[in-house]
Amino acid sequence: MELDLPKVAAFLCCSGIQQDVLSKNYDLRGVFQGFNPPTYPFGAEFLTFTRFAFDRDGEFRIDISLFSETGDKVADTQPRDLKFNLGSGSADLITAWRVHFPGKGQYVFKAFCNNLNVAEARLQCR
């Protein structure tokens, strides 16, 4: 059974994101898939860009959490309401993160829509 919820079309970790005022296009800089710091614990500041797709009008509560490979929650966002208009078909969420990574391993971002997990993206720390 498929739920009537937005789907994640893109999820990217970036060093910086800027949006052109006129065109509304995004400039994503420093896109990466993980960290390779000299030592742990490691503190990092970065941004995530998430594009949600939905083909109807609607409003949904969206939040994103970061979990360790053992399932412990490392960080999360405040829930935000995203509105979808029939003409656009998508809505974007940009989130700033300041995360303390305790050690090496695979970390998982989980996107929640109305408290239901709708997508996951992996972040590798070597």
Protein backbone atom coordinates (compact mmCIF):
# COMPACT_ATOMS: atom_id res chain seq x y z
CA MET A 1 0.00 0.00 0.00
CA GLU A 2 1.41 3.36 -1.01
CA LEU A 3 0.82 6.32 1.30
CA ASP A 4 -0.45 9.62 -0.05
CA LEU A 5 2.65 11.54 1.08
CA PRO A 6 5.41 13.51 -0.65
CA LYS A 7 8.41 11.57 -1.90
CA VAL A 8 12.02 12.65 -1.55
CA ALA A 9 13.35 13.41 -5.04
CA ALA A 10 16.81 14.59 -3.88
CA PHE A 11 18.80 14.70 -0.66
CA LEU A 12 22.27 16.28 -0.68
CA CYS A 13 24.80 17.34 1.96
CA CYS A 14 26.62 20.55 1.04
CA SER A 15 29.18 22.99 2.39
CA GLY A 16 27.08 25.93 1.19
CA ILE A 17 23.81 26.74 -0.58
CA GLN A 18 22.80 30.01 -2.21
CA GLN A 19 19.62 30.86 -4.07
CA ASP A 20 19.44 33.37 -6.91
CA VAL A 21 16.90 36.05 -5.98
CA LEU A 22 15.44 36.38 -9.46
CA SER A 23 15.53 32.89 -10.96
CA LYS A 24 15.11 31.02 -7.61
CA ASN A 25 17.76 28.53 -8.81
CA TYR A 26 20.03 26.99 -6.19
CA ASP A 27 23.82 26.94 -6.22
CA LEU A 28 24.92 23.92 -4.17
CA ARG A 29 28.61 24.09 -3.25
CA GLY A 30 30.79 21.40 -1.81
CA VAL A 31 28.39 18.47 -2.22
CA PHE A 32 29.75 15.49 -0.27
CA GLN A 33 28.86 11.98 0.91
CA GLY A 34 30.81 11.85 4.15
CA PHE A 35 33.73 12.97 6.29
CA ASN A 36 37.28 11.76 6.75
CA PRO A 37 38.54 13.77 9.75
CA PRO A 38 41.96 13.19 11.32
CA THR A 39 40.43 12.26 14.71
CA TYR A 40 37.15 11.62 16.48
CA PRO A 41 35.04 12.96 18.06
CA PHE A 42 34.50 15.38 15.18
CA GLY A 43 32.32 18.48 15.01
CA ALA A 44 30.95 19.49 11.60
CA GLU A 45 28.80 22.28 10.23
CA PHE A 46 27.03 21.72 6.93
CA LEU A 47 23.73 22.14 5.11
CA THR A 48 21.32 19.63 3.66
CA PHE A 49 19.09 20.20 0.64
CA THR A 50 15.98 18.04 0.35
CA ARG A 51 13.52 18.26 -2.53
CA PHE A 52 10.11 16.74 -1.91
CA ALA A 53 7.78 15.90 -4.82
CA PHE A 54 4.01 15.80 -4.56
CA ASP A 55 1.55 16.14 -7.45
CA ARG A 56 -1.37 17.70 -5.58
CA ASP A 57 -2.10 20.55 -3.21
CA GLY A 58 -1.25 19.79 0.38
CA GLU A 59 0.55 20.75 3.54
CA PHE A 60 2.74 18.37 5.50
CA ARG A 61 4.84 18.46 8.64
CA ILE A 62 8.44 17.56 7.69
CA ASP A 63 11.45 16.88 9.90
CA ILE A 64 14.80 15.20 9.42
CA SER A 65 16.85 13.26 11.96
CA LEU A 66 20.39 11.87 11.84
CA PHE A 67 20.99 8.44 13.38
CA SER A 68 24.16 6.45 14.06
CA GLU A 69 24.57 2.95 12.65
CA THR A 70 23.46 1.59 16.04
CA GLY A 71 20.15 3.47 15.75
CA ASP A 72 20.96 6.23 18.26
CA LYS A 73 19.65 9.68 17.33
CA VAL A 74 22.60 12.04 16.84
CA ALA A 75 20.76 15.21 15.75
CA ASP A 76 17.40 16.37 14.45
CA THR A 77 15.61 19.39 13.03
CA GLN A 78 12.62 21.28 14.26
CA PRO A 79 9.52 20.16 12.33
CA ARG A 80 8.50 22.49 9.51
CA ASP A 81 5.32 22.75 7.50
CA LEU A 82 5.82 22.49 3.73
CA LYS A 83 3.06 23.56 1.35
CA PHE A 84 2.62 22.03 -2.06
CA ASN A 85 0.76 23.82 -4.83
CA LEU A 86 -0.61 21.94 -7.80
CA GLY A 87 1.38 24.08 -10.24
CA SER A 88 4.83 23.52 -8.68
CA GLY A 89 4.90 19.80 -7.87
CA SER A 90 7.77 20.18 -5.42
CA ALA A 91 8.92 21.92 -2.26
CA ASP A 92 12.46 22.32 -0.94
CA LEU A 93 13.81 22.13 2.59
CA ILE A 94 17.25 23.53 3.43
CA THR A 95 18.54 22.72 6.88
CA ALA A 96 21.68 23.90 8.69
CA TRP A 97 23.38 21.29 10.86
CA ARG A 98 25.96 21.46 13.62
CA VAL A 99 26.70 17.85 14.46
CA HIS A 100 29.06 16.14 16.88
CA PHE A 101 30.10 12.81 15.32
CA PRO A 102 31.31 10.48 18.09
CA GLY A 103 33.21 8.11 15.81
CA LYS A 104 33.66 6.41 12.48
CA GLY A 105 30.77 4.64 10.85
CA GLN A 106 27.75 5.02 8.68
CA TYR A 107 25.16 7.60 9.68
CA VAL A 108 21.64 7.76 8.30
CA PHE A 109 19.44 10.79 7.67
CA LYS A 110 15.77 9.90 7.93
CA ALA A 111 13.12 12.21 6.49
CA PHE A 112 9.77 12.11 8.28
CA CYS A 113 6.51 13.39 6.87
CA ASN A 114 3.67 13.62 9.38
CA ASN A 115 5.81 11.40 11.67
CA LEU A 116 6.18 8.64 9.03
CA ASN A 117 9.62 7.77 7.65
CA VAL A 118 9.49 8.54 3.90
CA ALA A 119 13.20 8.35 2.94
CA GLU A 120 16.73 7.70 4.09
CA ALA A 121 20.13 8.99 2.95
CA ARG A 122 23.50 7.69 4.11
CA LEU A 123 26.54 9.65 5.29
CA GLN A 124 29.85 7.80 5.65
CA CYS A 125 32.42 8.84 8.27
CA ARG A 126 35.80 7.14 7.79
